[in-house]
Amino acid sequence: MTMNRRTLNIALAAASLGSLLPASAFAQKKLVLGFAQVGAESEWRTANTESIKSSAKEAGIELKFSDAQQKQENQIKAIRSYIAQKVDVIAFSPVVESGWETVLREAKAAKIPVVLTDRSVNTKDDTLYVTFMGSDFVEEGRKAGRWLTEKMKDQKGEVNIVELQGTVGSAPAIDRKKGFEEIIKADPKFKIIRSQTGDFTRAKGKEVMEAFLKADGKKINVLFAHNDDMAIGAIQAIEEAGLKPAKDITIISIDGVKGAFEAMIAGKLNVSVECSPLLGPQLMSAVKDIKAGKALPKRIVTEEGIFPMEVAAKEFPNRKY
């Protein structure tokens, strides 16, 4: 088949133009999400990170990920880097509640929407973020308190509680404490005799529990840990002190990670309140909705349960984290 000169020139011009155009001109531009993670302080956080990474891949979203190693300044630096890179959406799980106004205003000025995951921020201007998705931490504290008051309703005399708090200033630490205290204050026999941060880590949980045991030893009836990792560290300290965890000291914790279920099956932890880290699919769905111009609710709450040791063996095979 022959081609006349004019047709040939048009074909050559089109081919030449095609070579000058970037490939992206022919393909839909990938959505880019910048995610600033707290760190890798617990089993929960590791599962949360994995959920976000795998969900981004499945959703075809390009993920720029940073680990703040539990330092707010590292998260702020990462968010500023995402603003400079002009990502489509920024999401982060704030290390602490306060101190975000400036960087969130910078994101707003750059017209980059922000999603809060797992933890919220303390700001008077709620237009600085689109939505907060995650657990109701106050309700988790209430669930822990309700379980305890029901279990010990017939017990005579004081119930002395020691509390391992999460990272100072973080939303889960503030809210879980608030919810727990809201329930136990109805009965004066429940008393928190010591409360200190274990920074959500196993090592610090063990260290602080050792100090509690040295100070109060056999006076301690209950341990309320703001997460499973600190509870698991504390169990080691209790055993090393020659006491039986879950028998001599009733242990309540929050998260519902596999390690907690293993401890419950072994008879060393009484109950774990669920806090699901599997927020990835929800987050990717929100990112797509935001870019499509859809309105999102200001608060997206995760549905969760509570697992006493009696159901741990049966429930364990269903756990995904």
Protein backbone atom coordinates (compact mmCIF):
# COMPACT_ATOMS: atom_id res chain seq x y z
CA MET A 1 0.00 0.00 0.00
CA THR A 2 1.49 3.36 -1.01
CA MET A 3 1.25 6.57 1.01
CA ASN A 4 1.24 9.98 -0.72
CA ARG A 5 3.67 12.67 0.43
CA ARG A 6 1.01 14.71 2.34
CA THR A 7 -0.24 11.69 4.30
CA LEU A 8 3.35 10.71 5.05
CA ASN A 9 4.16 14.20 6.37
CA ILE A 10 1.09 14.17 8.64
CA ALA A 11 2.04 10.74 9.98
CA LEU A 12 5.64 11.84 10.62
CA ALA A 13 4.47 15.02 12.38
CA ALA A 14 2.11 13.04 14.63
CA ALA A 15 4.86 10.57 15.49
CA SER A 16 7.22 13.44 16.28
CA LEU A 17 4.65 15.16 18.49
CA GLY A 18 3.94 11.88 20.27
CA SER A 19 7.60 11.47 21.16
CA LEU A 20 7.64 14.97 22.71
CA LEU A 21 4.59 14.36 24.91
CA PRO A 22 5.18 12.71 28.28
CA ALA A 23 3.71 9.24 28.81
CA SER A 24 1.44 10.71 31.46
CA ALA A 25 -0.43 12.60 28.73
CA PHE A 26 -1.76 9.25 27.53
CA ALA A 27 -2.33 7.69 30.96
CA GLN A 28 -4.41 8.89 33.89
CA LYS A 29 -2.20 10.54 36.49
CA LYS A 30 -1.83 8.41 39.64
CA LEU A 31 -3.17 9.85 42.88
CA VAL A 32 -0.32 10.61 45.29
CA LEU A 33 -0.82 10.25 49.06
CA GLY A 34 1.76 11.48 51.55
CA PHE A 35 1.47 9.59 54.85
CA ALA A 36 3.35 10.59 58.02
CA GLN A 37 3.31 7.67 60.46
CA VAL A 38 3.94 7.95 64.23
CA GLY A 39 6.58 5.22 64.30
CA ALA A 40 6.80 1.47 64.92
CA GLU A 41 6.32 1.45 68.70
CA SER A 42 3.96 -1.52 68.92
CA GLU A 43 2.46 -4.57 67.19
CA TRP A 44 -0.59 -2.38 66.55
CA ARG A 45 1.40 0.29 64.72
CA THR A 46 3.23 -2.29 62.59
CA ALA A 47 -0.14 -3.72 61.50
CA ASN A 48 -1.45 -0.20 60.83
CA THR A 49 1.52 0.59 58.57
CA GLU A 50 1.15 -2.69 56.69
CA SER A 51 -2.58 -2.03 56.15
CA ILE A 52 -1.85 1.42 54.69
CA LYS A 53 0.96 0.22 52.41
CA SER A 54 -0.90 -2.81 51.04
CA SER A 55 -4.17 -0.88 50.59
CA ALA A 56 -2.43 1.91 48.66
CA LYS A 57 -0.92 -0.69 46.32
CA GLU A 58 -4.29 -2.38 45.79
CA ALA A 59 -6.01 0.97 45.16
CA GLY A 60 -3.36 2.06 42.64
CA ILE A 61 -2.42 5.06 44.78
CA GLU A 62 1.21 6.19 44.91
CA LEU A 63 2.24 6.31 48.58
CA LYS A 64 4.98 8.53 49.95
CA PHE A 65 5.57 7.18 53.47
CA SER A 66 7.60 8.46 56.42
CA ASP A 67 8.22 7.09 59.93
CA ALA A 68 8.47 9.86 62.55
CA GLN A 69 10.01 7.61 65.23
CA GLN A 70 7.51 9.07 67.75
CA LYS A 71 8.81 12.63 67.30
CA GLN A 72 6.44 15.45 66.38
CA GLU A 73 9.18 17.48 64.69
CA ASN A 74 9.80 14.58 62.28
CA GLN A 75 6.11 14.45 61.36
CA ILE A 76 5.98 18.20 60.75
CA LYS A 77 9.09 17.94 58.56
CA ALA A 78 7.48 15.10 56.55
CA ILE A 79 4.22 17.05 56.07
CA ARG A 80 6.18 20.10 54.84
CA SER A 81 8.04 17.83 52.42
CA TYR A 82 4.69 16.50 51.08
CA ILE A 83 3.44 20.09 50.64
CA ALA A 84 6.63 20.94 48.68
CA GLN A 85 6.13 17.82 46.52
CA LYS A 86 2.51 18.91 45.81
CA VAL A 87 0.98 15.53 46.72
CA ASP A 88 -2.79 15.16 46.19
CA VAL A 89 -3.69 14.31 49.81
CA ILE A 90 -1.77 14.30 53.10
CA ALA A 91 -2.71 11.85 55.88
CA PHE A 92 -1.06 11.39 59.26
CA SER A 93 -1.52 9.86 62.68
CA PRO A 94 -0.44 12.66 65.06
CA VAL A 95 2.11 11.77 67.75
CA VAL A 96 0.48 14.27 70.15
CA GLU A 97 -2.72 16.35 69.98
CA SER A 98 -1.35 19.91 70.09
CA GLY A 99 1.08 21.97 68.02
CA TRP A 100 -0.26 21.32 64.48
CA GLU A 101 -1.93 24.64 63.59
CA THR A 102 0.99 26.16 61.65
CA VAL A 103 1.76 23.19 59.40
CA LEU A 104 -1.95 22.47 58.80
CA ARG A 105 -2.44 26.09 57.71
CA GLU A 106 0.46 25.63 55.29
CA ALA A 107 -1.26 22.57 53.79
CA LYS A 108 -4.54 24.48 53.53
CA ALA A 109 -2.81 27.43 51.82
CA ALA A 110 -1.32 24.94 49.33
CA LYS A 111 -4.87 23.55 48.76
CA ILE A 112 -3.81 20.05 49.85
CA PRO A 113 -6.57 18.26 51.82
CA VAL A 114 -5.55 16.56 55.08
CA VAL A 115 -6.97 13.37 56.64
CA LEU A 116 -6.30 12.45 60.29
CA THR A 117 -6.05 8.71 60.92
CA ASP A 118 -6.17 6.88 64.26
CA ARG A 119 -5.49 10.00 66.37
CA SER A 120 -6.97 13.49 66.34
CA VAL A 121 -5.53 16.97 66.82
CA ASN A 122 -6.51 19.73 69.22
CA THR A 123 -7.37 22.73 67.03
CA LYS A 124 -10.06 25.43 67.17
CA ASP A 125 -10.24 25.50 63.37
CA ASP A 126 -11.66 22.19 62.12
CA THR A 127 -11.48 23.34 58.49
CA LEU A 128 -7.76 22.48 58.65
CA TYR A 129 -8.57 18.82 58.01
CA VAL A 130 -11.25 17.02 55.98
CA THR A 131 -12.02 14.10 58.27
CA PHE A 132 -10.73 12.13 61.26
CA MET A 133 -11.05 8.37 60.91
CA GLY A 134 -10.33 5.94 63.68
CA SER A 135 -11.46 4.57 67.00
CA ASP A 136 -13.41 6.25 69.78
CA PHE A 137 -10.67 6.20 72.45
CA VAL A 138 -12.93 7.54 75.22
CA GLU A 139 -15.35 4.68 74.57
CA GLU A 140 -12.43 2.19 74.70
CA GLY A 141 -11.56 3.52 78.18
CA ARG A 142 -15.24 3.21 79.17
CA LYS A 143 -15.36 -0.40 77.94
CA ALA A 144 -12.31 -1.21 80.10
CA GLY A 145 -13.93 0.50 83.09
CA ARG A 146 -17.28 -1.26 82.60
CA TRP A 147 -15.62 -4.66 82.37
CA LEU A 148 -13.70 -4.02 85.61
CA THR A 149 -16.61 -2.64 87.64
CA GLU A 150 -18.82 -5.55 86.57
CA LYS A 151 -16.11 -8.14 87.38
CA MET A 152 -15.41 -6.69 90.82
CA LYS A 153 -18.88 -5.41 91.80
CA ASP A 154 -19.13 -7.88 94.71
CA GLN A 155 -15.59 -7.37 95.97
CA LYS A 156 -15.38 -5.90 99.46
CA GLY A 157 -12.75 -3.31 100.32
CA GLU A 158 -10.66 -1.05 98.12
CA VAL A 159 -9.60 -2.02 94.59
CA ASN A 160 -6.16 -0.48 94.01
CA ILE A 161 -5.42 0.20 90.33
CA VAL A 162 -2.12 1.09 88.69
CA GLU A 163 -2.26 2.66 85.25
CA LEU A 164 0.24 2.49 82.40
CA GLN A 165 -0.53 5.51 80.25
CA GLY A 166 0.32 5.89 76.57
CA THR A 167 2.55 8.63 75.14
CA VAL A 168 2.10 11.88 77.09
CA GLY A 169 -0.14 14.31 75.21
CA SER A 170 -1.36 11.73 72.68
CA ALA A 171 -5.09 11.42 71.94
CA PRO A 172 -5.38 7.73 72.94
CA ALA A 173 -3.60 8.31 76.27
CA ILE A 174 -5.76 11.33 77.16
CA ASP A 175 -9.05 9.78 76.04
CA ARG A 176 -8.58 6.22 77.35
CA LYS A 177 -7.74 7.61 80.79
CA LYS A 178 -10.78 9.93 80.65
CA GLY A 179 -13.20 7.15 79.63
CA PHE A 180 -11.87 4.69 82.24
CA GLU A 181 -12.06 7.24 85.07
CA GLU A 182 -15.56 8.31 84.01
CA ILE A 183 -16.81 4.77 84.73
CA ILE A 184 -14.86 3.84 87.88
CA LYS A 185 -15.58 7.12 89.71
CA ALA A 186 -19.19 5.93 90.24
CA ASP A 187 -17.88 3.51 92.88
CA PRO A 188 -15.44 4.93 95.51
CA LYS A 189 -13.82 1.53 96.16
CA PHE A 190 -11.96 1.82 92.81
CA LYS A 191 -8.81 3.89 93.28
CA ILE A 192 -5.98 4.64 90.83
CA ILE A 193 -3.00 4.65 93.20
CA ARG A 194 -0.29 5.12 90.56
CA SER A 195 -0.37 6.36 86.97
CA GLN A 196 2.66 6.83 84.72
CA THR A 197 3.46 6.78 81.02
CA GLY A 198 4.91 3.64 79.48
CA ASP A 199 5.07 5.39 76.08
CA PHE A 200 3.07 2.57 74.42
CA THR A 201 6.18 0.33 74.33
CA ARG A 202 6.80 -3.12 75.80
CA ALA A 203 10.18 -2.18 77.30
CA LYS A 204 8.88 0.94 79.05
CA GLY A 205 5.76 -0.94 80.23
CA LYS A 206 8.00 -3.48 81.95
CA GLU A 207 10.25 -0.81 83.46
CA VAL A 208 7.36 1.26 84.90
CA MET A 209 5.56 -1.82 86.22
CA GLU A 210 8.76 -2.84 88.03
CA ALA A 211 8.74 0.58 89.75
CA PHE A 212 5.03 0.20 90.64
CA LEU A 213 5.70 -3.23 92.17
CA LYS A 214 8.68 -1.96 94.18
CA ALA A 215 6.59 0.89 95.58
CA ASP A 216 3.29 -0.89 96.21
CA GLY A 217 3.84 -4.60 95.64
CA LYS A 218 0.98 -6.64 97.08
CA LYS A 219 -1.30 -3.60 97.43
CA ILE A 220 -1.89 -3.66 93.65
CA ASN A 221 -5.13 -5.39 92.62
CA VAL A 222 -5.51 -4.21 89.01
CA LEU A 223 -3.34 -3.02 86.12
CA PHE A 224 -4.98 -0.88 83.42
CA ALA A 225 -2.61 -0.56 80.44
CA HIS A 226 -3.43 1.83 77.60
CA ASN A 227 -2.16 -0.74 75.08
CA ASP A 228 -1.34 -4.44 74.83
CA ASP A 229 2.40 -3.97 74.33
CA MET A 230 2.80 -2.20 77.68
CA ALA A 231 0.63 -4.89 79.31
CA ILE A 232 2.85 -7.64 77.86
CA GLY A 233 5.95 -5.86 79.23
CA ALA A 234 4.22 -5.49 82.60
CA ILE A 235 3.33 -9.21 82.67
CA GLN A 236 7.07 -10.00 82.53
CA ALA A 237 7.70 -7.65 85.47
CA ILE A 238 4.84 -9.22 87.48
CA GLU A 239 6.20 -12.75 86.88
CA GLU A 240 9.74 -11.69 87.76
CA ALA A 241 8.37 -10.31 91.04
CA GLY A 242 7.03 -13.80 91.84
CA LEU A 243 3.36 -12.91 91.29
CA LYS A 244 0.81 -14.48 88.94
CA PRO A 245 -0.47 -12.12 86.22
CA ALA A 246 -4.28 -12.23 85.69
CA LYS A 247 -4.65 -13.95 89.10
CA ASP A 248 -2.79 -11.90 91.72
CA ILE A 249 -3.21 -8.79 89.58
CA THR A 250 -6.15 -8.41 87.19
CA ILE A 251 -4.87 -7.04 83.86
CA ILE A 252 -6.90 -4.98 81.40
CA SER A 253 -5.43 -3.62 78.18
CA ILE A 254 -6.44 -2.08 74.86
CA ASP A 255 -5.76 -2.92 71.17
CA GLY A 256 -6.60 -6.60 70.67
CA VAL A 257 -3.35 -7.58 68.92
CA LYS A 258 -2.33 -11.23 68.47
CA GLY A 259 0.20 -10.95 71.30
CA ALA A 260 -2.63 -10.05 73.70
CA PHE A 261 -4.66 -13.06 72.56
CA GLU A 262 -1.62 -15.31 73.12
CA ALA A 263 -1.26 -13.86 76.64
CA MET A 264 -4.98 -14.45 77.32
CA ILE A 265 -4.78 -18.04 76.03
CA ALA A 266 -1.80 -18.55 78.39
CA GLY A 267 -3.96 -17.23 81.27
CA LYS A 268 -1.80 -14.12 81.84
CA LEU A 269 -4.11 -11.32 80.63
CA ASN A 270 -7.75 -10.94 81.64
CA VAL A 271 -9.22 -8.81 78.85
CA SER A 272 -8.29 -6.73 75.81
CA VAL A 273 -10.49 -3.99 74.34
CA GLU A 274 -10.30 -3.94 70.55
CA CYS A 275 -8.83 -0.99 68.63
CA SER A 276 -8.49 -1.93 64.96
CA PRO A 277 -5.36 -0.77 63.10
CA LEU A 278 -6.66 -1.91 59.71
CA LEU A 279 -7.52 1.58 58.49
CA GLY A 280 -5.86 1.27 55.06
CA PRO A 281 -8.91 0.39 52.91
CA GLN A 282 -10.98 3.14 54.61
CA LEU A 283 -8.21 5.68 54.06
CA MET A 284 -7.76 4.87 50.34
CA SER A 285 -11.50 5.09 49.82
CA ALA A 286 -11.50 8.54 51.51
CA VAL A 287 -8.56 9.73 49.36
CA LYS A 288 -10.42 8.77 46.16
CA ASP A 289 -13.66 10.40 47.40
CA ILE A 290 -11.83 13.64 48.29
CA LYS A 291 -10.25 13.87 44.83
CA ALA A 292 -13.64 13.11 43.23
CA GLY A 293 -15.11 16.09 45.11
CA LYS A 294 -17.35 14.02 47.38
CA ALA A 295 -18.25 15.29 50.86
CA LEU A 296 -17.00 13.17 53.78
CA PRO A 297 -18.31 13.11 57.36
CA LYS A 298 -16.04 14.97 59.80
CA ARG A 299 -15.73 11.82 61.94
CA ILE A 300 -15.51 8.22 60.71
CA VAL A 301 -15.62 5.78 63.67
CA THR A 302 -14.26 2.21 63.51
CA GLU A 303 -16.52 -0.52 64.95
CA GLU A 304 -14.84 -2.64 67.63
CA GLY A 305 -15.47 -5.23 70.35
CA ILE A 306 -14.07 -6.39 73.70
CA PHE A 307 -12.43 -9.79 74.28
CA PRO A 308 -12.16 -11.38 77.74
CA MET A 309 -9.71 -14.31 78.15
CA GLU A 310 -12.58 -16.83 78.10
CA VAL A 311 -13.16 -16.24 74.35
CA ALA A 312 -9.50 -15.74 73.32
CA ALA A 313 -8.79 -19.28 72.03
CA LYS A 314 -11.96 -19.32 69.94
CA GLU A 315 -11.39 -15.82 68.53
CA PHE A 316 -7.62 -16.11 67.90
CA PRO A 317 -7.83 -17.71 64.41
CA ASN A 318 -9.91 -14.72 63.22
CA ARG A 319 -7.34 -12.12 64.20
CA LYS A 320 -5.67 -10.31 61.30
CA TYR A 321 -3.15 -8.36 63.40
